[in-house]
Amino acid sequence: MIRPSTFSIVAYDPVEQAWGVAVASKFPAVGAVVPWAQAHAGAIATQSYANTSYGPNGLKLLASGLSAEETLARLLADDPDREHRQVGIVDAAGRSATFTGNQCSPWAGGLASENLAIQGNILAGEGVVQAMLDAYQRNAAAHFPDRLIAALLAGDRAGGDRRGRQSAAIYVAKYKGGYAGYNDRWIDYRVDDHPDPVSRLAELLELQKLYFGKSPESEQIPLEGEPLASLQRIMIRLGYYQGEPDGRLDAATSDALRTFTGNENFEERVHLDKGRMDRPVYEFLIKRFA
């Protein structure tokens, strides 16, 4: 049996219509074991002596319309080792359930409330899960993935897994929230082996926002004048562009920008048809290459 002794938060955001799990552990690659989520079905964390079948089987039950409590009862009923398990579930409507078997290593426990379940085992103490709840509620106005990370960071700083740190992960499902809208895997980042994995996970989430975020038109930079000339000078130095840095978005500049920003993986955030670029990307490129 796999034993990722860990702490996790499972939650639903009714505004984003997204379901997610954030988890950390003194266990390698915890993200390969604990978090499961499916858009319009729910999310599950399976840990302690983890029964990984709880993930896919539980999501099928949730997708069929069962509540979090009903799904948990069905999973536990068929498991002779249920008292070694720890599970958190949030269903499509935000109903939640958490379970800690009486054979889980102390401190072990959890709490469940509307739209979330928090649980952990081999923790520094009960204060870990309470700190996670407090942080999640305190950041109610934040972006959903940021709220999950805030809760995980709070649990980590409150002592987390009392054996130490090793890995962390965040997985969030949202309908057509994945790359270019082709799938529901909105956020999927793992830190498999690191001395401070939760902090590194937070850094990866910031990269995700840089590369795949979206800026309203009011926060975009017009590709003209000095802003464009600054990019042209960078592209001249890097060999993408052979013209003058005149701040004009002609065909040669457009082709160079398309190649340059594509090589930097920013094609989702450059809008050449509108002559605009998302401000965070513009500022990043200027800082990195100026």
Protein backbone atom coordinates (compact mmCIF):
# COMPACT_ATOMS: atom_id res chain seq x y z
CA MET A 1 0.00 0.00 0.00
CA ILE A 2 1.13 3.55 -0.77
CA ARG A 3 1.36 5.80 2.26
CA PRO A 4 1.54 9.47 1.32
CA SER A 5 1.16 10.98 4.79
CA THR A 6 0.11 14.43 3.83
CA PHE A 7 -2.18 17.43 4.14
CA SER A 8 -4.59 18.55 1.47
CA ILE A 9 -7.45 20.86 0.61
CA VAL A 10 -10.24 19.83 -1.76
CA ALA A 11 -12.52 22.66 -2.87
CA TYR A 12 -15.13 23.95 -5.30
CA ASP A 13 -15.36 27.53 -6.55
CA PRO A 14 -18.92 28.34 -7.70
CA VAL A 15 -17.79 31.54 -9.42
CA GLU A 16 -15.10 29.87 -11.53
CA GLN A 17 -17.10 26.64 -11.77
CA ALA A 18 -13.89 24.79 -10.93
CA TRP A 19 -12.96 21.88 -8.65
CA GLY A 20 -9.47 21.46 -7.27
CA VAL A 21 -7.01 19.83 -4.89
CA ALA A 22 -3.79 21.19 -3.40
CA VAL A 23 -1.59 18.79 -1.46
CA ALA A 24 1.84 18.54 0.17
CA SER A 25 3.75 15.73 1.84
CA LYS A 26 7.04 14.26 3.03
CA PHE A 27 6.62 11.74 0.23
CA PRO A 28 7.99 11.82 -3.33
CA ALA A 29 5.67 12.85 -6.18
CA VAL A 30 2.55 13.16 -4.04
CA GLY A 31 0.78 14.67 -7.04
CA ALA A 32 0.89 11.30 -8.79
CA VAL A 33 -1.22 9.73 -6.03
CA VAL A 34 -3.48 12.08 -4.09
CA PRO A 35 -5.34 14.64 -6.29
CA TRP A 36 -8.22 13.82 -8.62
CA ALA A 37 -10.72 16.21 -10.20
CA GLN A 38 -13.25 16.33 -13.00
CA ALA A 39 -15.21 19.32 -14.24
CA HIS A 40 -18.91 19.21 -13.29
CA ALA A 41 -18.29 16.08 -11.19
CA GLY A 42 -16.09 17.04 -8.25
CA ALA A 43 -12.68 16.56 -6.66
CA ILE A 44 -11.10 13.93 -4.42
CA ALA A 45 -7.97 13.60 -2.30
CA THR A 46 -7.03 10.03 -1.36
CA GLN A 47 -4.19 9.72 1.14
CA SER A 48 -2.71 7.94 4.17
CA TYR A 49 -2.41 4.30 2.98
CA ALA A 50 -3.84 5.65 -0.26
CA ASN A 51 -6.28 3.55 -2.21
CA THR A 52 -5.70 5.15 -5.61
CA SER A 53 -8.84 3.51 -7.00
CA TYR A 54 -10.79 6.02 -4.90
CA GLY A 55 -9.82 8.66 -7.47
CA PRO A 56 -11.26 7.32 -10.74
CA ASN A 57 -13.99 5.28 -9.05
CA GLY A 58 -15.05 8.20 -6.90
CA LEU A 59 -15.19 10.57 -9.85
CA LYS A 60 -17.43 8.12 -11.71
CA LEU A 61 -19.78 8.01 -8.74
CA LEU A 62 -19.81 11.79 -8.45
CA ALA A 63 -20.43 12.16 -12.19
CA SER A 64 -23.41 9.81 -11.86
CA GLY A 65 -25.02 12.28 -9.46
CA LEU A 66 -24.06 10.89 -6.05
CA SER A 67 -23.24 13.42 -3.35
CA ALA A 68 -19.87 13.66 -1.62
CA GLU A 69 -21.22 11.78 1.43
CA GLU A 70 -22.82 9.07 -0.71
CA THR A 71 -19.65 8.66 -2.76
CA LEU A 72 -17.52 8.41 0.37
CA ALA A 73 -19.84 5.79 1.88
CA ARG A 74 -19.75 3.72 -1.31
CA LEU A 75 -15.94 3.82 -1.52
CA LEU A 76 -15.43 2.89 2.13
CA ALA A 77 -18.02 0.12 2.10
CA ASP A 78 -16.03 -1.92 -0.42
CA ASP A 79 -12.64 -1.41 1.26
CA PRO A 80 -11.53 -3.83 4.02
CA ASP A 81 -8.65 -1.45 4.88
CA ARG A 82 -10.87 1.60 5.23
CA GLU A 83 -9.57 2.44 8.72
CA HIS A 84 -6.13 3.13 7.22
CA ARG A 85 -7.54 5.58 4.68
CA GLN A 86 -7.99 9.30 4.62
CA VAL A 87 -10.22 10.94 2.03
CA GLY A 88 -11.59 14.37 1.19
CA ILE A 89 -14.35 14.87 -1.39
CA VAL A 90 -16.26 17.83 -2.82
CA ASP A 91 -19.07 17.12 -5.28
CA ALA A 92 -20.44 19.07 -8.24
CA ALA A 93 -22.67 21.20 -6.01
CA GLY A 94 -19.99 21.94 -3.41
CA ARG A 95 -21.21 19.44 -0.82
CA SER A 96 -18.24 18.03 1.03
CA ALA A 97 -17.12 15.07 3.10
CA THR A 98 -13.92 14.08 4.86
CA PHE A 99 -12.92 10.80 6.46
CA THR A 100 -10.01 9.78 8.66
CA GLY A 101 -9.73 6.10 9.57
CA ASN A 102 -8.92 5.22 13.15
CA GLN A 103 -5.69 3.52 12.05
CA CYS A 104 -4.20 6.66 10.47
CA SER A 105 -1.03 7.85 12.18
CA PRO A 106 -1.46 10.85 14.50
CA TRP A 107 -1.99 13.67 14.36
CA ALA A 108 -4.68 12.83 11.85
CA GLY A 109 -8.01 14.47 11.16
CA GLY A 110 -9.93 16.87 9.00
CA LEU A 111 -12.83 19.24 8.66
CA ALA A 112 -15.48 19.82 6.04
CA SER A 113 -17.70 22.79 5.31
CA GLU A 114 -19.50 24.24 2.32
CA ASN A 115 -17.38 23.88 -0.83
CA LEU A 116 -14.31 22.43 0.86
CA ALA A 117 -12.72 19.58 2.79
CA ILE A 118 -9.34 19.77 4.52
CA GLN A 119 -7.49 16.76 5.97
CA GLY A 120 -4.06 15.50 6.95
CA ASN A 121 -2.18 12.79 8.79
CA ILE A 122 1.18 12.59 10.56
CA LEU A 123 0.82 16.33 11.04
CA ALA A 124 2.44 18.67 13.52
CA GLY A 125 -1.01 19.05 15.08
CA GLU A 126 -4.62 20.07 14.59
CA GLY A 127 -3.47 23.64 14.02
CA VAL A 128 -2.32 22.67 10.52
CA VAL A 129 -5.82 22.07 9.17
CA GLN A 130 -7.21 25.08 11.06
CA ALA A 131 -4.51 27.32 9.57
CA MET A 132 -5.46 26.05 6.12
CA LEU A 133 -9.12 26.83 6.68
CA ASP A 134 -8.34 30.30 8.04
CA ALA A 135 -6.12 31.13 5.06
CA TYR A 136 -8.67 29.88 2.53
CA GLN A 137 -11.43 31.95 4.10
CA ARG A 138 -9.20 35.00 4.54
CA ASN A 139 -8.41 34.97 0.81
CA ALA A 140 -12.05 34.76 -0.29
CA ALA A 141 -11.58 37.48 -2.93
CA ALA A 142 -8.52 35.82 -4.49
CA HIS A 143 -8.36 33.77 -7.68
CA PHE A 144 -9.37 30.15 -6.91
CA PRO A 145 -5.95 28.53 -7.56
CA ASP A 146 -4.33 31.26 -5.45
CA ARG A 147 -6.72 30.45 -2.59
CA LEU A 148 -5.72 26.78 -2.74
CA ILE A 149 -2.04 27.69 -2.67
CA ALA A 150 -2.61 30.15 0.20
CA ALA A 151 -4.23 27.38 2.23
CA LEU A 152 -1.41 24.96 1.45
CA LEU A 153 1.25 27.52 2.37
CA ALA A 154 -0.54 28.22 5.66
CA GLY A 155 -0.62 24.52 6.52
CA ASP A 156 3.03 24.16 5.63
CA ARG A 157 4.06 27.14 7.76
CA ALA A 158 1.94 25.81 10.65
CA GLY A 159 4.08 22.67 10.75
CA GLY A 160 2.62 20.57 7.95
CA ASP A 161 3.79 16.96 7.77
CA ARG A 162 5.78 16.56 10.98
CA ARG A 163 8.37 14.41 9.18
CA GLY A 164 9.38 17.29 6.92
CA ARG A 165 8.89 18.44 3.33
CA GLN A 166 9.39 16.77 -0.04
CA SER A 167 6.64 17.27 -2.64
CA ALA A 168 3.52 19.27 -3.43
CA ALA A 169 0.92 19.52 -6.20
CA ILE A 170 -2.13 21.42 -7.37
CA TYR A 171 -4.75 20.07 -9.76
CA VAL A 172 -7.81 22.07 -10.83
CA ALA A 173 -10.46 21.04 -13.35
CA LYS A 174 -12.66 23.54 -15.17
CA TYR A 175 -14.79 22.95 -18.26
CA LYS A 176 -12.65 23.83 -21.30
CA GLY A 177 -10.19 25.49 -18.94
CA GLY A 178 -7.16 23.65 -20.33
CA TYR A 179 -4.68 24.81 -22.94
CA ALA A 180 -6.53 26.54 -25.82
CA GLY A 181 -9.81 25.21 -24.40
CA TYR A 182 -9.25 21.67 -25.66
CA ASN A 183 -9.62 19.94 -22.27
CA ASP A 184 -10.71 20.54 -18.67
CA ARG A 185 -7.24 20.37 -17.04
CA TRP A 186 -6.99 24.03 -16.05
CA ILE A 187 -4.16 23.86 -13.47
CA ASP A 188 -1.85 20.85 -13.18
CA TYR A 189 1.52 21.47 -11.51
CA ARG A 190 3.70 19.17 -9.44
CA VAL A 191 6.88 19.57 -7.44
CA ASP A 192 8.03 15.98 -7.00
CA ASP A 193 11.18 16.42 -4.87
CA HIS A 194 12.26 19.75 -3.40
CA PRO A 195 13.42 21.11 -0.01
CA ASP A 196 10.59 23.69 0.00
CA PRO A 197 8.01 22.25 -2.38
CA VAL A 198 5.02 24.41 -1.46
CA SER A 199 6.91 27.63 -2.08
CA ARG A 200 8.16 26.25 -5.39
CA LEU A 201 4.60 25.27 -6.30
CA ALA A 202 3.50 28.85 -5.63
CA GLU A 203 6.22 30.05 -8.01
CA LEU A 204 5.00 27.67 -10.71
CA LEU A 205 1.47 29.01 -10.34
CA GLU A 206 2.82 32.52 -10.97
CA LEU A 207 4.45 31.23 -14.17
CA GLN A 208 1.14 29.69 -15.19
CA LYS A 209 -0.55 33.06 -14.82
CA LEU A 210 2.19 34.75 -16.86
CA TYR A 211 2.05 32.30 -19.75
CA PHE A 212 -1.63 31.41 -19.82
CA GLY A 213 -3.44 34.29 -18.15
CA LYS A 214 -5.65 36.71 -20.04
CA SER A 215 -5.64 40.50 -19.86
CA PRO A 216 -8.66 42.67 -20.66
CA GLU A 217 -8.11 45.09 -23.53
CA SER A 218 -7.78 47.94 -21.04
CA GLU A 219 -4.66 46.24 -19.66
CA GLN A 220 -3.01 45.55 -23.02
CA ILE A 221 -0.10 47.44 -24.55
CA PRO A 222 -0.66 48.92 -28.03
CA LEU A 223 2.09 47.72 -30.35
CA GLU A 224 3.11 51.13 -31.64
CA GLY A 225 5.50 53.93 -30.85
CA GLU A 226 8.12 53.52 -28.15
CA PRO A 227 6.71 50.28 -26.64
CA LEU A 228 7.01 48.58 -30.01
CA ALA A 229 10.37 50.22 -30.73
CA SER A 230 11.68 48.72 -27.47
CA LEU A 231 10.63 45.28 -28.66
CA GLN A 232 12.14 45.91 -32.08
CA ARG A 233 15.50 46.78 -30.49
CA ILE A 234 15.39 43.55 -28.51
CA MET A 235 14.53 41.55 -31.63
CA ILE A 236 17.36 43.21 -33.60
CA ARG A 237 19.84 42.20 -30.91
CA LEU A 238 18.48 38.64 -30.80
CA GLY A 239 18.44 38.27 -34.58
CA TYR A 240 14.68 38.16 -35.14
CA TYR A 241 14.39 41.49 -36.96
CA GLN A 242 16.61 43.34 -39.45
CA GLY A 243 14.67 46.60 -39.85
CA GLU A 244 14.75 49.91 -38.02
CA PRO A 245 13.29 50.34 -34.49
CA ASP A 246 10.70 52.79 -35.81
CA GLY A 247 7.72 51.71 -33.70
CA ARG A 248 5.67 50.73 -36.77
CA LEU A 249 3.82 47.39 -36.87
CA ASP A 250 4.47 46.55 -40.51
CA ALA A 251 4.58 43.06 -42.03
CA ALA A 252 8.26 42.49 -41.19
CA THR A 253 7.78 43.51 -37.55
CA SER A 254 4.65 41.36 -37.25
CA ASP A 255 6.49 38.31 -38.61
CA ALA A 256 9.41 38.89 -36.26
CA LEU A 257 7.13 39.36 -33.27
CA ARG A 258 5.21 36.21 -34.13
CA THR A 259 8.43 34.17 -34.21
CA PHE A 260 9.97 35.85 -31.15
CA THR A 261 6.95 35.58 -28.88
CA GLY A 262 6.18 32.08 -30.14
CA ASN A 263 9.66 30.94 -29.21
CA GLU A 264 9.09 32.41 -25.76
CA ASN A 265 5.74 30.53 -25.52
CA PHE A 266 3.60 33.67 -25.37
CA GLU A 267 1.49 33.09 -28.48
CA GLU A 268 -1.66 33.02 -26.30
CA ARG A 269 -0.98 36.54 -25.01
CA VAL A 270 0.02 38.43 -28.15
CA HIS A 271 -2.80 39.76 -30.35
CA LEU A 272 -1.17 40.85 -33.60
CA ASP A 273 -4.52 41.11 -35.37
CA LYS A 274 -5.46 43.84 -32.90
CA GLY A 275 -1.95 45.29 -32.59
CA ARG A 276 -1.78 44.58 -28.86
CA MET A 277 0.14 42.56 -26.27
CA ASP A 278 -0.88 41.68 -22.72
CA ARG A 279 0.90 44.00 -20.31
CA PRO A 280 2.42 41.30 -18.03
CA VAL A 281 4.09 39.69 -21.05
CA TYR A 282 5.37 43.00 -22.40
CA GLU A 283 6.86 43.90 -19.01
CA PHE A 284 8.40 40.43 -18.65
CA LEU A 285 10.06 40.58 -22.08
CA ILE A 286 11.42 44.09 -21.50
CA LYS A 287 12.84 43.12 -18.11
CA ARG A 288 14.31 39.85 -19.35
CA PHE A 289 15.92 41.05 -22.57
CA ALA A 290 16.44 44.80 -22.19
